[in-house]
């Protein structure tokens, strides 16, 4: 997944954490998940990401998750942080 210079990041590459890279724009949601527990929890991670994007009314976004075994609350928190940073960079809230 290619990102422009407008992409924001949140998180770390530490054990039990995750790195989120997010860029607002477009008409669709592109979500890419890389996780050492993807077979078992990939669907749950996807649902957590979708839930946060729905909370903010975000429809056009590219997001990449590099998960190292983070809990669901950490996934949601990192995605929320990335969304807030991207919105601040754009200077406002989603339509």
PDB file of N, CA and C in Angstrom:
ATOM      1  N   UNK A   1       0.852  -1.164   0.000  1.00  0.00           N
ATOM      2  CA  UNK A   1       0.000   0.000   0.000  1.00  0.00           C
ATOM      3  C   UNK A   1       0.899   1.229   0.000  1.00  0.00           C
ATOM      4  N   UNK A   2       0.661   2.118  -0.932  1.00  0.00           N
ATOM      5  CA  UNK A   2       1.459   3.340  -1.060  1.00  0.00           C
ATOM      6  C   UNK A   2       0.771   4.501  -0.340  1.00  0.00           C
ATOM      7  N   UNK A   3       1.544   5.259   0.393  1.00  0.00           N
ATOM      8  CA  UNK A   3       1.034   6.426   1.101  1.00  0.00           C
ATOM      9  C   UNK A   3       1.778   7.661   0.625  1.00  0.00           C
ATOM     10  N   UNK A   4       1.100   8.802   0.660  1.00  0.00           N
ATOM     11  CA  UNK A   4       1.749  10.064   0.308  1.00  0.00           C
ATOM     12  C   UNK A   4       2.389  10.661   1.560  1.00  0.00           C
ATOM     13  N   UNK A   5       2.965  11.832   1.400  1.00  0.00           N
ATOM     14  CA  UNK A   5       3.589  12.516   2.544  1.00  0.00           C
ATOM     15  C   UNK A   5       2.542  12.983   3.552  1.00  0.00           C
ATOM     16  N   UNK A   6       1.261  12.939   3.191  1.00  0.00           N
ATOM     17  CA  UNK A   6       0.194  13.359   4.091  1.00  0.00           C
ATOM     18  C   UNK A   6      -0.223  12.273   5.074  1.00  0.00           C
ATOM     19  N   UNK A   7       0.342  11.087   4.954  1.00  0.00           N
ATOM     20  CA  UNK A   7      -0.009   9.991   5.858  1.00  0.00           C
ATOM     21  C   UNK A   7       0.499  10.289   7.267  1.00  0.00           C
ATOM     22  N   UNK A   8      -0.271   9.827   8.242  1.00  0.00           N
ATOM     23  CA  UNK A   8       0.122   9.984   9.648  1.00  0.00           C
ATOM     24  C   UNK A   8       0.361   8.602  10.246  1.00  0.00           C
ATOM     25  N   UNK A   9       1.084   8.592  11.347  1.00  0.00           N
ATOM     26  CA  UNK A   9       1.392   7.336  12.038  1.00  0.00           C
ATOM     27  C   UNK A   9       1.019   7.461  13.508  1.00  0.00           C
ATOM     28  N   UNK A  10       0.730   6.307  14.091  1.00  0.00           N
ATOM     29  CA  UNK A  10       0.490   6.224  15.526  1.00  0.00           C
ATOM     30  C   UNK A  10       0.928   4.844  15.982  1.00  0.00           C
ATOM     31  N   UNK A  11       1.512   4.767  17.159  1.00  0.00           N
ATOM     32  CA  UNK A  11       1.914   3.486  17.708  1.00  0.00           C
ATOM     33  C   UNK A  11       3.408   3.272  17.676  1.00  0.00           C
ATOM     34  N   UNK A  12       3.794   2.015  17.892  1.00  0.00           N
ATOM     35  CA  UNK A  12       5.210   1.658  17.902  1.00  0.00           C
ATOM     36  C   UNK A  12       5.362   0.230  17.391  1.00  0.00           C
ATOM     37  N   UNK A  13       6.613  -0.175  17.244  1.00  0.00           N
ATOM     38  CA  UNK A  13       6.876  -1.546  16.812  1.00  0.00           C
ATOM     39  C   UNK A  13       7.317  -2.413  17.992  1.00  0.00           C
ATOM     40  N   UNK A  14       6.878  -2.025  19.177  1.00  0.00           N
ATOM     41  CA  UNK A  14       7.186  -2.793  20.383  1.00  0.00           C
ATOM     42  C   UNK A  14       6.249  -3.993  20.506  1.00  0.00           C
ATOM     43  N   UNK A  15       6.708  -5.005  21.223  1.00  0.00           N
ATOM     44  CA  UNK A  15       5.892  -6.195  21.459  1.00  0.00           C
ATOM     45  C   UNK A  15       4.569  -5.796  22.120  1.00  0.00           C
ATOM     46  N   UNK A  16       3.487  -6.399  21.690  1.00  0.00           N
ATOM     47  CA  UNK A  16       2.129  -6.159  22.194  1.00  0.00           C
ATOM     48  C   UNK A  16       1.612  -4.765  21.859  1.00  0.00           C
ATOM     49  N   UNK A  17       2.157  -4.146  20.832  1.00  0.00           N
ATOM     50  CA  UNK A  17       1.671  -2.849  20.360  1.00  0.00           C
ATOM     51  C   UNK A  17       1.418  -2.990  18.863  1.00  0.00           C
ATOM     52  N   UNK A  18       1.164  -1.901  18.208  1.00  0.00           N
ATOM     53  CA  UNK A  18       0.954  -1.897  16.772  1.00  0.00           C
ATOM     54  C   UNK A  18       1.343  -0.556  16.199  1.00  0.00           C
ATOM     55  N   UNK A  19       1.596  -0.545  14.904  1.00  0.00           N
ATOM     56  CA  UNK A  19       1.867   0.691  14.176  1.00  0.00           C
ATOM     57  C   UNK A  19       0.714   0.879  13.202  1.00  0.00           C
ATOM     58  N   UNK A  20       0.144   2.072  13.230  1.00  0.00           N
ATOM     59  CA  UNK A  20      -0.943   2.429  12.325  1.00  0.00           C
ATOM     60  C   UNK A  20      -0.424   3.505  11.391  1.00  0.00           C
ATOM     61  N   UNK A  21      -0.630   3.312  10.101  1.00  0.00           N
ATOM     62  CA  UNK A  21      -0.343   4.346   9.111  1.00  0.00           C
ATOM     63  C   UNK A  21      -1.658   4.635   8.417  1.00  0.00           C
ATOM     64  N   UNK A  22      -2.039   5.912   8.342  1.00  0.00           N
ATOM     65  CA  UNK A  22      -3.361   6.288   7.862  1.00  0.00           C
ATOM     66  C   UNK A  22      -3.268   7.529   6.995  1.00  0.00           C
ATOM     67  N   UNK A  23      -4.060   7.518   5.921  1.00  0.00           N
ATOM     68  CA  UNK A  23      -4.168   8.682   5.040  1.00  0.00           C
ATOM     69  C   UNK A  23      -5.624   8.862   4.655  1.00  0.00           C
ATOM     70  N   UNK A  24      -6.146  10.059   4.888  1.00  0.00           N
ATOM     71  CA  UNK A  24      -7.522  10.369   4.516  1.00  0.00           C
ATOM     72  C   UNK A  24      -7.600  10.711   3.037  1.00  0.00           C
ATOM     73  N   UNK A  25      -8.742  10.376   2.425  1.00  0.00           N
ATOM     74  CA  UNK A  25      -8.974  10.718   1.028  1.00  0.00           C
ATOM     75  C   UNK A  25      -9.556   9.557   0.260  1.00  0.00           C
ATOM     76  N   UNK A  26     -10.120   9.877  -0.887  1.00  0.00           N
ATOM     77  CA  UNK A  26     -10.726   8.853  -1.724  1.00  0.00           C
ATOM     78  C   UNK A  26     -12.165   8.604  -1.356  1.00  0.00           C
ATOM     79  N   UNK A  27     -12.741   7.590  -1.998  1.00  0.00           N
ATOM     80  CA  UNK A  27     -14.151   7.262  -1.790  1.00  0.00           C
ATOM     81  C   UNK A  27     -14.371   5.930  -1.100  1.00  0.00           C
ATOM     82  N   UNK A  28     -13.300   5.229  -0.772  1.00  0.00           N
ATOM     83  CA  UNK A  28     -13.460   3.903  -0.185  1.00  0.00           C
ATOM     84  C   UNK A  28     -12.501   3.715   0.983  1.00  0.00           C
ATOM     85  N   UNK A  29     -12.756   2.666   1.713  1.00  0.00           N
ATOM     86  CA  UNK A  29     -11.881   2.284   2.820  1.00  0.00           C
ATOM     87  C   UNK A  29     -10.961   1.171   2.343  1.00  0.00           C
ATOM     88  N   UNK A  30      -9.669   1.452   2.391  1.00  0.00           N
ATOM     89  CA  UNK A  30      -8.667   0.432   2.089  1.00  0.00           C
ATOM     90  C   UNK A  30      -7.981   0.098   3.398  1.00  0.00           C
ATOM     91  N   UNK A  31      -8.200  -1.103   3.888  1.00  0.00           N
ATOM     92  CA  UNK A  31      -7.624  -1.530   5.159  1.00  0.00           C
ATOM     93  C   UNK A  31      -6.721  -2.725   4.890  1.00  0.00           C
ATOM     94  N   UNK A  32      -5.464  -2.594   5.299  1.00  0.00           N
ATOM     95  CA  UNK A  32      -4.491  -3.672   5.150  1.00  0.00           C
ATOM     96  C   UNK A  32      -3.964  -4.013   6.533  1.00  0.00           C
ATOM     97  N   UNK A  33      -4.062  -5.296   6.890  1.00  0.00           N
ATOM     98  CA  UNK A  33      -3.648  -5.737   8.221  1.00  0.00           C
ATOM     99  C   UNK A  33      -2.537  -6.759   8.096  1.00  0.00           C
ATOM    100  N   UNK A  34      -1.467  -6.511   8.843  1.00  0.00           N
ATOM    101  CA  UNK A  34      -0.369  -7.463   8.975  1.00  0.00           C
ATOM    102  C   UNK A  34      -0.267  -7.769  10.464  1.00  0.00           C
ATOM    103  N   UNK A  35      -0.425  -9.043  10.808  1.00  0.00           N
ATOM    104  CA  UNK A  35      -0.410  -9.403  12.221  1.00  0.00           C
ATOM    105  C   UNK A  35       0.113 -10.814  12.397  1.00  0.00           C
ATOM    106  N   UNK A  36       0.856 -11.010  13.479  1.00  0.00           N
ATOM    107  CA  UNK A  36       1.341 -12.348  13.783  1.00  0.00           C
ATOM    108  C   UNK A  36       0.201 -13.232  14.279  1.00  0.00           C
ATOM    109  N   UNK A  37      -0.923 -12.636  14.616  1.00  0.00           N
ATOM    110  CA  UNK A  37      -2.095 -13.390  15.069  1.00  0.00           C
ATOM    111  C   UNK A  37      -3.271 -13.208  14.107  1.00  0.00           C
ATOM    112  N   UNK A  38      -2.961 -12.922  12.849  1.00  0.00           N
ATOM    113  CA  UNK A  38      -4.012 -12.606  11.873  1.00  0.00           C
ATOM    114  C   UNK A  38      -4.987 -13.766  11.645  1.00  0.00           C
ATOM    115  N   UNK A  39      -4.490 -14.979  11.604  1.00  0.00           N
ATOM    116  CA  UNK A  39      -5.386 -16.117  11.376  1.00  0.00           C
ATOM    117  C   UNK A  39      -6.454 -16.213  12.453  1.00  0.00           C
ATOM    118  N   UNK A  40      -6.067 -15.950  13.673  1.00  0.00           N
ATOM    119  CA  UNK A  40      -7.000 -16.087  14.790  1.00  0.00           C
ATOM    120  C   UNK A  40      -7.801 -14.813  15.054  1.00  0.00           C
ATOM    121  N   UNK A  41      -7.161 -13.639  14.911  1.00  0.00           N
ATOM    122  CA  UNK A  41      -7.804 -12.392  15.309  1.00  0.00           C
ATOM    123  C   UNK A  41      -7.946 -11.363  14.191  1.00  0.00           C
ATOM    124  N   UNK A  42      -7.615 -11.719  12.969  1.00  0.00           N
ATOM    125  CA  UNK A  42      -7.677 -10.765  11.857  1.00  0.00           C
ATOM    126  C   UNK A  42      -9.043 -10.128  11.681  1.00  0.00           C
ATOM    127  N   UNK A  43     -10.083 -10.936  11.797  1.00  0.00           N
ATOM    128  CA  UNK A  43     -11.451 -10.418  11.651  1.00  0.00           C
ATOM    129  C   UNK A  43     -11.789  -9.440  12.779  1.00  0.00           C
ATOM    130  N   UNK A  44     -11.363  -9.758  14.002  1.00  0.00           N
ATOM    131  CA  UNK A  44     -11.622  -8.875  15.145  1.00  0.00           C
ATOM    132  C   UNK A  44     -10.863  -7.560  14.997  1.00  0.00           C
ATOM    133  N   UNK A  45      -9.640  -7.621  14.500  1.00  0.00           N
ATOM    134  CA  UNK A  45      -8.862  -6.395  14.271  1.00  0.00           C
ATOM    135  C   UNK A  45      -9.569  -5.536  13.234  1.00  0.00           C
ATOM    136  N   UNK A  46     -10.031  -6.157  12.153  1.00  0.00           N
ATOM    137  CA  UNK A  46     -10.765  -5.440  11.098  1.00  0.00           C
ATOM    138  C   UNK A  46     -12.003  -4.759  11.679  1.00  0.00           C
ATOM    139  N   UNK A  47     -12.736  -5.471  12.510  1.00  0.00           N
ATOM    140  CA  UNK A  47     -13.939  -4.906  13.132  1.00  0.00           C
ATOM    141  C   UNK A  47     -13.596  -3.718  14.034  1.00  0.00           C
ATOM    142  N   UNK A  48     -12.508  -3.817  14.786  1.00  0.00           N
ATOM    143  CA  UNK A  48     -12.086  -2.704  15.643  1.00  0.00           C
ATOM    144  C   UNK A  48     -11.766  -1.465  14.814  1.00  0.00           C
ATOM    145  N   UNK A  49     -11.039  -1.659  13.720  1.00  0.00           N
ATOM    146  CA  UNK A  49     -10.687  -0.544  12.836  1.00  0.00           C
ATOM    147  C   UNK A  49     -11.947   0.078  12.238  1.00  0.00           C
ATOM    148  N   UNK A  50     -12.847  -0.760  11.732  1.00  0.00           N
ATOM    149  CA  UNK A  50     -14.090  -0.266  11.123  1.00  0.00           C
ATOM    150  C   UNK A  50     -14.935   0.500  12.144  1.00  0.00           C
ATOM    151  N   UNK A  51     -14.980   0.006  13.375  1.00  0.00           N
ATOM    152  CA  UNK A  51     -15.760   0.670  14.419  1.00  0.00           C
ATOM    153  C   UNK A  51     -15.258   2.094  14.660  1.00  0.00           C
ATOM    154  N   UNK A  52     -13.952   2.249  14.766  1.00  0.00           N
ATOM    155  CA  UNK A  52     -13.385   3.580  15.007  1.00  0.00           C
ATOM    156  C   UNK A  52     -13.635   4.496  13.806  1.00  0.00           C
ATOM    157  N   UNK A  53     -13.446   3.988  12.607  1.00  0.00           N
ATOM    158  CA  UNK A  53     -13.701   4.805  11.418  1.00  0.00           C
ATOM    159  C   UNK A  53     -15.160   5.235  11.362  1.00  0.00           C
ATOM    160  N   UNK A  54     -16.078   4.339  11.741  1.00  0.00           N
ATOM    161  CA  UNK A  54     -17.504   4.685  11.785  1.00  0.00           C
ATOM    162  C   UNK A  54     -17.784   5.767  12.823  1.00  0.00           C
ATOM    163  N   UNK A  55     -17.119   5.697  13.989  1.00  0.00           N
ATOM    164  CA  UNK A  55     -17.296   6.702  15.043  1.00  0.00           C
ATOM    165  C   UNK A  55     -17.009   8.108  14.521  1.00  0.00           C
ATOM    166  N   UNK A  56     -16.013   8.228  13.659  1.00  0.00           N
ATOM    167  CA  UNK A  56     -15.611   9.520  13.131  1.00  0.00           C
ATOM    168  C   UNK A  56     -16.285   9.839  11.793  1.00  0.00           C
ATOM    169  N   UNK A  57     -17.063   8.916  11.263  1.00  0.00           N
ATOM    170  CA  UNK A  57     -17.723   9.140   9.973  1.00  0.00           C
ATOM    171  C   UNK A  57     -16.739   9.159   8.813  1.00  0.00           C
ATOM    172  N   UNK A  58     -15.667   8.404   8.930  1.00  0.00           N
ATOM    173  CA  UNK A  58     -14.628   8.372   7.898  1.00  0.00           C
ATOM    174  C   UNK A  58     -14.992   7.321   6.857  1.00  0.00           C
ATOM    175  N   UNK A  59     -15.071   7.729   5.586  1.00  0.00           N
ATOM    176  CA  UNK A  59     -15.381   6.790   4.512  1.00  0.00           C
ATOM    177  C   UNK A  59     -14.214   6.638   3.544  1.00  0.00           C
ATOM    178  N   UNK A  60     -13.530   7.714   3.251  1.00  0.00           N
ATOM    179  CA  UNK A  60     -12.395   7.667   2.342  1.00  0.00           C
ATOM    180  C   UNK A  60     -11.089   7.632   3.112  1.00  0.00           C
ATOM    181  N   UNK A  61     -10.439   6.460   3.133  1.00  0.00           N
ATOM    182  CA  UNK A  61      -9.231   6.314   3.941  1.00  0.00           C
ATOM    183  C   UNK A  61      -8.415   5.122   3.450  1.00  0.00           C
ATOM    184  N   UNK A  62      -7.113   5.255   3.594  1.00  0.00           N
ATOM    185  CA  UNK A  62      -6.190   4.136   3.448  1.00  0.00           C
ATOM    186  C   UNK A  62      -5.560   3.941   4.814  1.00  0.00           C
ATOM    187  N   UNK A  63      -5.582   2.700   5.290  1.00  0.00           N
ATOM    188  CA  UNK A  63      -5.017   2.444   6.605  1.00  0.00           C
ATOM    189  C   UNK A  63      -4.285   1.095   6.591  1.00  0.00           C
ATOM    190  N   UNK A  64      -3.104   1.116   7.176  1.00  0.00           N
ATOM    191  CA  UNK A  64      -2.304  -0.097   7.294  1.00  0.00           C
ATOM    192  C   UNK A  64      -2.015  -0.338   8.766  1.00  0.00           C
ATOM    193  N   UNK A  65      -2.271  -1.550   9.207  1.00  0.00           N
ATOM    194  CA  UNK A  65      -2.037  -1.952  10.590  1.00  0.00           C
ATOM    195  C   UNK A  65      -0.925  -2.993  10.603  1.00  0.00           C
ATOM    196  N   UNK A  66       0.124  -2.727  11.365  1.00  0.00           N
ATOM    197  CA  UNK A  66       1.188  -3.700  11.598  1.00  0.00           C
ATOM    198  C   UNK A  66       1.116  -4.057  13.076  1.00  0.00           C
ATOM    199  N   UNK A  67       0.453  -5.174  13.357  1.00  0.00           N
ATOM    200  CA  UNK A  67       0.134  -5.580  14.724  1.00  0.00           C
ATOM    201  C   UNK A  67       1.149  -6.580  15.260  1.00  0.00           C
ATOM    202  N   UNK A  68       1.540  -6.364  16.506  1.00  0.00           N
ATOM    203  CA  UNK A  68       2.461  -7.286  17.183  1.00  0.00           C
ATOM    204  C   UNK A  68       1.802  -7.879  18.430  1.00  0.00           C
ATOM    205  N   UNK A  69       0.506  -8.173  18.307  1.00  0.00           N
ATOM    206  CA  UNK A  69      -0.209  -8.804  19.413  1.00  0.00           C
ATOM    207  C   UNK A  69      -0.875  -7.840  20.363  1.00  0.00           C
ATOM    208  N   UNK A  70      -1.315  -6.692  19.855  1.00  0.00           N
ATOM    209  CA  UNK A  70      -1.959  -5.685  20.697  1.00  0.00           C
ATOM    210  C   UNK A  70      -3.367  -6.121  21.099  1.00  0.00           C
ATOM    211  N   UNK A  71      -3.790  -5.678  22.264  1.00  0.00           N
ATOM    212  CA  UNK A  71      -5.152  -5.912  22.723  1.00  0.00           C
ATOM    213  C   UNK A  71      -6.103  -5.011  21.947  1.00  0.00           C
ATOM    214  N   UNK A  72      -7.386  -5.333  21.976  1.00  0.00           N
ATOM    215  CA  UNK A  72      -8.369  -4.577  21.210  1.00  0.00           C
ATOM    216  C   UNK A  72      -8.433  -3.108  21.624  1.00  0.00           C
ATOM    217  N   UNK A  73      -8.311  -2.813  22.913  1.00  0.00           N
ATOM    218  CA  UNK A  73      -8.366  -1.419  23.354  1.00  0.00           C
ATOM    219  C   UNK A  73      -7.184  -0.621  22.802  1.00  0.00           C
ATOM    220  N   UNK A  74      -6.035  -1.266  22.653  1.00  0.00           N
ATOM    221  CA  UNK A  74      -4.859  -0.589  22.099  1.00  0.00           C
ATOM    222  C   UNK A  74      -5.050  -0.337  20.605  1.00  0.00           C
ATOM    223  N   UNK A  75      -5.626  -1.297  19.902  1.00  0.00           N
ATOM    224  CA  UNK A  75      -5.899  -1.127  18.466  1.00  0.00           C
ATOM    225  C   UNK A  75      -6.812   0.065  18.252  1.00  0.00           C
ATOM    226  N   UNK A  76      -7.907   0.119  19.003  1.00  0.00           N
ATOM    227  CA  UNK A  76      -8.857   1.225  18.870  1.00  0.00           C
ATOM    228  C   UNK A  76      -8.200   2.559  19.225  1.00  0.00           C
ATOM    229  N   UNK A  77      -7.416   2.583  20.281  1.00  0.00           N
ATOM    230  CA  UNK A  77      -6.757   3.826  20.708  1.00  0.00           C
ATOM    231  C   UNK A  77      -5.770   4.324  19.656  1.00  0.00           C
ATOM    232  N   UNK A  78      -4.997   3.429  19.086  1.00  0.00           N
ATOM    233  CA  UNK A  78      -4.019   3.828  18.064  1.00  0.00           C
ATOM    234  C   UNK A  78      -4.724   4.328  16.805  1.00  0.00           C
ATOM    235  N   UNK A  79      -5.797   3.665  16.409  1.00  0.00           N
ATOM    236  CA  UNK A  79      -6.535   4.116  15.220  1.00  0.00           C
ATOM    237  C   UNK A  79      -7.179   5.474  15.496  1.00  0.00           C
ATOM    238  N   UNK A  80      -7.763   5.658  16.677  1.00  0.00           N
ATOM    239  CA  UNK A  80      -8.348   6.960  17.031  1.00  0.00           C
ATOM    240  C   UNK A  80      -7.283   8.070  16.980  1.00  0.00           C
ATOM    241  N   UNK A  81      -6.117   7.787  17.525  1.00  0.00           N
ATOM    242  CA  UNK A  81      -5.034   8.773  17.511  1.00  0.00           C
ATOM    243  C   UNK A  81      -4.642   9.121  16.086  1.00  0.00           C
ATOM    244  N   UNK A  82      -4.509   8.124  15.225  1.00  0.00           N
ATOM    245  CA  UNK A  82      -4.139   8.377  13.834  1.00  0.00           C
ATOM    246  C   UNK A  82      -5.213   9.199  13.126  1.00  0.00           C
ATOM    247  N   UNK A  83      -6.483   8.876  13.365  1.00  0.00           N
ATOM    248  CA  UNK A  83      -7.576   9.640  12.746  1.00  0.00           C
ATOM    249  C   UNK A  83      -7.540  11.088  13.223  1.00  0.00           C
ATOM    250  N   UNK A  84      -7.379  11.298  14.517  1.00  0.00           N
ATOM    251  CA  UNK A  84      -7.337  12.660  15.053  1.00  0.00           C
ATOM    252  C   UNK A  84      -6.162  13.451  14.482  1.00  0.00           C
ATOM    253  N   UNK A  85      -5.011  12.819  14.336  1.00  0.00           N
ATOM    254  CA  UNK A  85      -3.857  13.499  13.742  1.00  0.00           C
ATOM    255  C   UNK A  85      -4.125  13.856  12.282  1.00  0.00           C
ATOM    256  N   UNK A  86      -4.734  12.930  11.553  1.00  0.00           N
ATOM    257  CA  UNK A  86      -5.033  13.189  10.136  1.00  0.00           C
ATOM    258  C   UNK A  86      -6.055  14.310   9.993  1.00  0.00           C
ATOM    259  N   UNK A  87      -7.058  14.331  10.854  1.00  0.00           N
ATOM    260  CA  UNK A  87      -8.070  15.386  10.810  1.00  0.00           C
ATOM    261  C   UNK A  87      -7.453  16.732  11.163  1.00  0.00           C
ATOM    262  N   UNK A  88      -6.586  16.756  12.159  1.00  0.00           N
ATOM    263  CA  UNK A  88      -5.912  17.993  12.540  1.00  0.00           C
ATOM    264  C   UNK A  88      -5.040  18.510  11.397  1.00  0.00           C
ATOM    265  N   UNK A  89      -4.405  17.591  10.708  1.00  0.00           N
ATOM    266  CA  UNK A  89      -3.552  17.961   9.571  1.00  0.00           C
ATOM    267  C   UNK A  89      -4.391  18.567   8.441  1.00  0.00           C
ATOM    268  N   UNK A  90      -5.607  18.031   8.255  1.00  0.00           N
ATOM    269  CA  UNK A  90      -6.513  18.543   7.220  1.00  0.00           C
ATOM    270  C   UNK A  90      -7.223  19.807   7.682  1.00  0.00           C
ATOM    271  N   UNK A  91      -7.198  20.061   8.980  1.00  0.00           N
ATOM    272  CA  UNK A  91      -7.799  21.270   9.506  1.00  0.00           C
ATOM    273  C   UNK A  91      -9.291  21.167   9.774  1.00  0.00           C
ATOM    274  N   UNK A  92      -9.762  20.003  10.183  1.00  0.00           N
ATOM    275  CA  UNK A  92     -11.180  19.920  10.500  1.00  0.00           C
ATOM    276  C   UNK A  92     -11.681  18.530  10.728  1.00  0.00           C
ATOM    277  N   UNK A  93     -13.004  18.441  10.704  1.00  0.00           N
ATOM    278  CA  UNK A  93     -13.684  17.178  10.944  1.00  0.00           C
ATOM    279  C   UNK A  93     -14.215  16.636   9.636  1.00  0.00           C
ATOM    280  N   UNK A  94     -14.498  15.321   9.570  1.00  0.00           N
ATOM    281  CA  UNK A  94     -15.043  14.742   8.344  1.00  0.00           C
ATOM    282  C   UNK A  94     -16.456  15.242   8.081  1.00  0.00           C
ATOM    283  N   UNK A  95     -16.837  15.254   6.837  1.00  0.00           N
ATOM    284  CA  UNK A  95     -18.180  15.705   6.463  1.00  0.00           C
ATOM    285  C   UNK A  95     -19.209  14.656   6.814  1.00  0.00           C
TER     286      UNK A  95
END
